[in-house]
Amino acid sequence: MTTISETSALDQQNLKVLEKNKQVIQNCVEEFWNKGDINTYEKFFSPDLVTHSPDGDRDFFTYKQLCEAYFKAFPDLKIFSVEIIAERDLAVKQWIAKCTHQGELMGIPASGNQVEITGNELFRLKDGKFMEIWINMDNLGLLQQLGAIPANP
């Protein structure tokens, strides 16, 4: 039988893990995404990483390539975390990204357009690194803002 003090200690330990996971996400936003620093990739992403998104799953290497493509296309990329919520080994982040399309992105030539997109990500973390990420972002809005497809009238 677990005593009240043991339960309290476990609750405190769980809170520390949840806060650490939230801090890892925010550090990744600041150090990796907002600085465009591909050299910090291994600090945040596990070699066993799998990402899931509407356009397919990616492993550690193919997700890194996608990140590099975004850094080249949007060198002024800034991500703003609207909300981060953590539970067990999972955390959710709602975000807004603002940037300028200054380089080719997946065959779309640089447009010079200012872009603002939103998204949500669900992370599974282990030992302070991302093991799995489910990514949902406004790709339609992105393509419309880049001029790749017409916007609704």
Protein backbone atom coordinates (compact mmCIF):
# COMPACT_ATOMS: atom_id res chain seq x y z
CA MET A 1 0.00 0.00 0.00
CA THR A 2 1.37 3.42 -0.99
CA THR A 3 1.42 6.05 1.74
CA ILE A 4 0.39 9.67 1.25
CA SER A 5 4.00 10.84 1.50
CA GLU A 6 5.09 8.26 -1.10
CA THR A 7 2.28 9.38 -3.39
CA SER A 8 3.27 12.99 -2.90
CA ALA A 9 6.91 12.18 -3.73
CA LEU A 10 5.82 10.34 -6.90
CA ASP A 11 3.62 13.27 -7.88
CA GLN A 12 6.55 15.65 -7.41
CA GLN A 13 8.81 13.41 -9.48
CA ASN A 14 6.18 13.20 -12.25
CA LEU A 15 5.79 16.98 -12.24
CA LYS A 16 9.54 17.38 -12.66
CA VAL A 17 9.51 15.04 -15.68
CA LEU A 18 6.56 16.89 -17.22
CA GLU A 19 8.22 20.26 -16.70
CA LYS A 20 11.49 18.89 -18.13
CA ASN A 21 9.66 17.63 -21.24
CA LYS A 22 7.98 21.01 -21.72
CA GLN A 23 11.38 22.70 -21.34
CA VAL A 24 12.95 20.37 -23.95
CA ILE A 25 10.25 21.44 -26.42
CA GLN A 26 10.78 25.13 -25.71
CA ASN A 27 14.57 24.75 -25.90
CA CYS A 28 14.20 23.03 -29.27
CA VAL A 29 12.08 25.92 -30.52
CA GLU A 30 14.65 28.49 -29.38
CA GLU A 31 17.95 26.69 -30.08
CA PHE A 32 17.07 24.60 -33.14
CA TRP A 33 14.13 26.14 -35.02
CA ASN A 34 14.46 29.86 -34.28
CA LYS A 35 18.23 29.91 -34.75
CA GLY A 36 18.09 27.58 -37.75
CA ASP A 37 20.92 25.60 -36.14
CA ILE A 38 20.99 22.16 -37.77
CA ASN A 39 24.06 21.35 -35.64
CA THR A 40 21.79 21.00 -32.58
CA TYR A 41 19.61 18.36 -34.28
CA GLU A 42 21.11 15.40 -32.40
CA LYS A 43 20.64 17.23 -29.08
CA PHE A 44 16.85 17.10 -29.46
CA PHE A 45 16.01 14.21 -31.79
CA SER A 46 16.65 10.55 -30.96
CA PRO A 47 18.35 8.37 -33.59
CA ASP A 48 15.21 6.21 -33.30
CA LEU A 49 12.95 9.14 -34.21
CA VAL A 50 9.83 8.57 -36.28
CA THR A 51 7.69 11.51 -37.40
CA HIS A 52 4.14 11.14 -38.67
CA SER A 53 2.40 13.70 -40.85
CA PRO A 54 -0.26 13.75 -43.57
CA ASP A 55 2.45 13.51 -46.25
CA GLY A 56 4.01 10.38 -44.73
CA ASP A 57 6.33 9.11 -42.05
CA ARG A 58 10.00 10.09 -41.76
CA ASP A 59 12.91 8.67 -39.84
CA PHE A 60 15.76 10.52 -38.11
CA PHE A 61 17.65 11.20 -41.36
CA THR A 62 14.74 12.12 -43.64
CA TYR A 63 13.26 14.44 -41.00
CA LYS A 64 16.64 16.15 -40.68
CA GLN A 65 16.66 16.68 -44.46
CA LEU A 66 13.20 18.22 -44.25
CA CYS A 67 14.35 20.56 -41.48
CA GLU A 68 17.34 21.62 -43.59
CA ALA A 69 15.00 22.34 -46.51
CA TYR A 70 12.86 24.57 -44.27
CA PHE A 71 15.93 26.41 -42.94
CA LYS A 72 17.07 27.13 -46.51
CA ALA A 73 13.64 28.20 -47.74
CA PHE A 74 12.85 30.27 -44.63
CA PRO A 75 16.12 31.58 -43.12
CA ASP A 76 14.20 34.04 -40.92
CA LEU A 77 11.85 31.34 -39.53
CA LYS A 78 10.48 32.10 -36.07
CA ILE A 79 8.20 29.72 -34.21
CA PHE A 80 6.04 30.91 -31.33
CA SER A 81 4.71 28.32 -28.89
CA VAL A 82 1.11 29.19 -28.10
CA GLU A 83 0.62 26.34 -25.62
CA ILE A 84 2.56 23.32 -24.39
CA ILE A 85 0.76 20.65 -22.39
CA ALA A 86 2.47 17.54 -20.99
CA GLU A 87 1.19 14.23 -19.62
CA ARG A 88 3.24 11.06 -18.95
CA ASP A 89 5.86 10.80 -21.74
CA LEU A 90 3.72 12.86 -24.12
CA ALA A 91 3.49 16.59 -24.77
CA VAL A 92 1.46 18.70 -27.19
CA LYS A 93 2.54 22.02 -28.66
CA GLN A 94 0.33 24.48 -30.51
CA TRP A 95 2.42 26.92 -32.55
CA ILE A 96 2.49 29.76 -35.02
CA ALA A 97 5.36 30.18 -37.49
CA LYS A 98 6.27 33.42 -39.24
CA CYS A 99 8.85 33.68 -41.99
CA THR A 100 9.72 34.88 -45.47
CA HIS A 101 9.96 32.50 -48.44
CA GLN A 102 13.55 33.27 -49.52
CA GLY A 103 14.64 29.96 -51.01
CA GLU A 104 13.31 27.05 -53.03
CA LEU A 105 11.05 24.68 -51.10
CA MET A 106 10.27 21.29 -52.66
CA GLY A 107 10.30 22.67 -56.19
CA ILE A 108 8.56 25.94 -55.34
CA PRO A 109 10.89 28.84 -56.19
CA ALA A 110 11.42 31.62 -53.66
CA SER A 111 8.49 34.03 -53.77
CA GLY A 112 9.60 36.61 -51.22
CA ASN A 113 6.18 36.24 -49.61
CA GLN A 114 5.66 36.71 -45.90
CA VAL A 115 4.17 33.51 -44.48
CA GLU A 116 2.27 32.78 -41.29
CA ILE A 117 1.16 29.23 -40.59
CA THR A 118 -0.19 27.34 -37.62
CA GLY A 119 0.26 23.80 -36.43
CA ASN A 120 0.06 21.28 -33.64
CA GLU A 121 2.53 18.58 -32.69
CA LEU A 122 2.25 15.64 -30.33
CA PHE A 123 5.62 14.49 -28.99
CA ARG A 124 6.67 11.28 -27.28
CA LEU A 125 9.86 11.92 -25.34
CA LYS A 126 12.38 9.63 -23.71
CA ASP A 127 15.45 10.77 -21.79
CA GLY A 128 14.99 14.34 -22.95
CA LYS A 129 14.79 13.56 -26.68
CA PHE A 130 12.00 13.26 -29.20
CA MET A 131 11.25 9.63 -30.06
CA GLU A 132 8.07 10.17 -32.02
CA ILE A 133 6.28 13.25 -33.34
CA TRP A 134 2.83 13.56 -34.89
CA ILE A 135 2.81 16.75 -36.95
CA ASN A 136 -0.26 18.58 -38.21
CA MET A 137 0.30 21.94 -39.87
CA ASP A 138 -1.64 24.10 -42.29
CA ASN A 139 0.04 22.90 -45.50
CA LEU A 140 -2.83 24.21 -47.64
CA GLY A 141 -2.42 27.68 -46.15
CA LEU A 142 1.34 27.46 -46.64
CA LEU A 143 1.01 26.55 -50.33
CA GLN A 144 -1.54 29.34 -50.86
CA GLN A 145 0.71 31.91 -49.19
CA LEU A 146 3.65 30.77 -51.33
CA GLY A 147 1.52 31.26 -54.45
CA ALA A 148 1.84 27.59 -55.40
CA ILE A 149 -1.94 27.13 -55.45
CA PRO A 150 -4.69 29.75 -55.63
CA ALA A 151 -6.32 30.95 -52.44
CA ASN A 152 -10.09 30.75 -52.13
CA PRO A 153 -11.82 33.90 -53.43
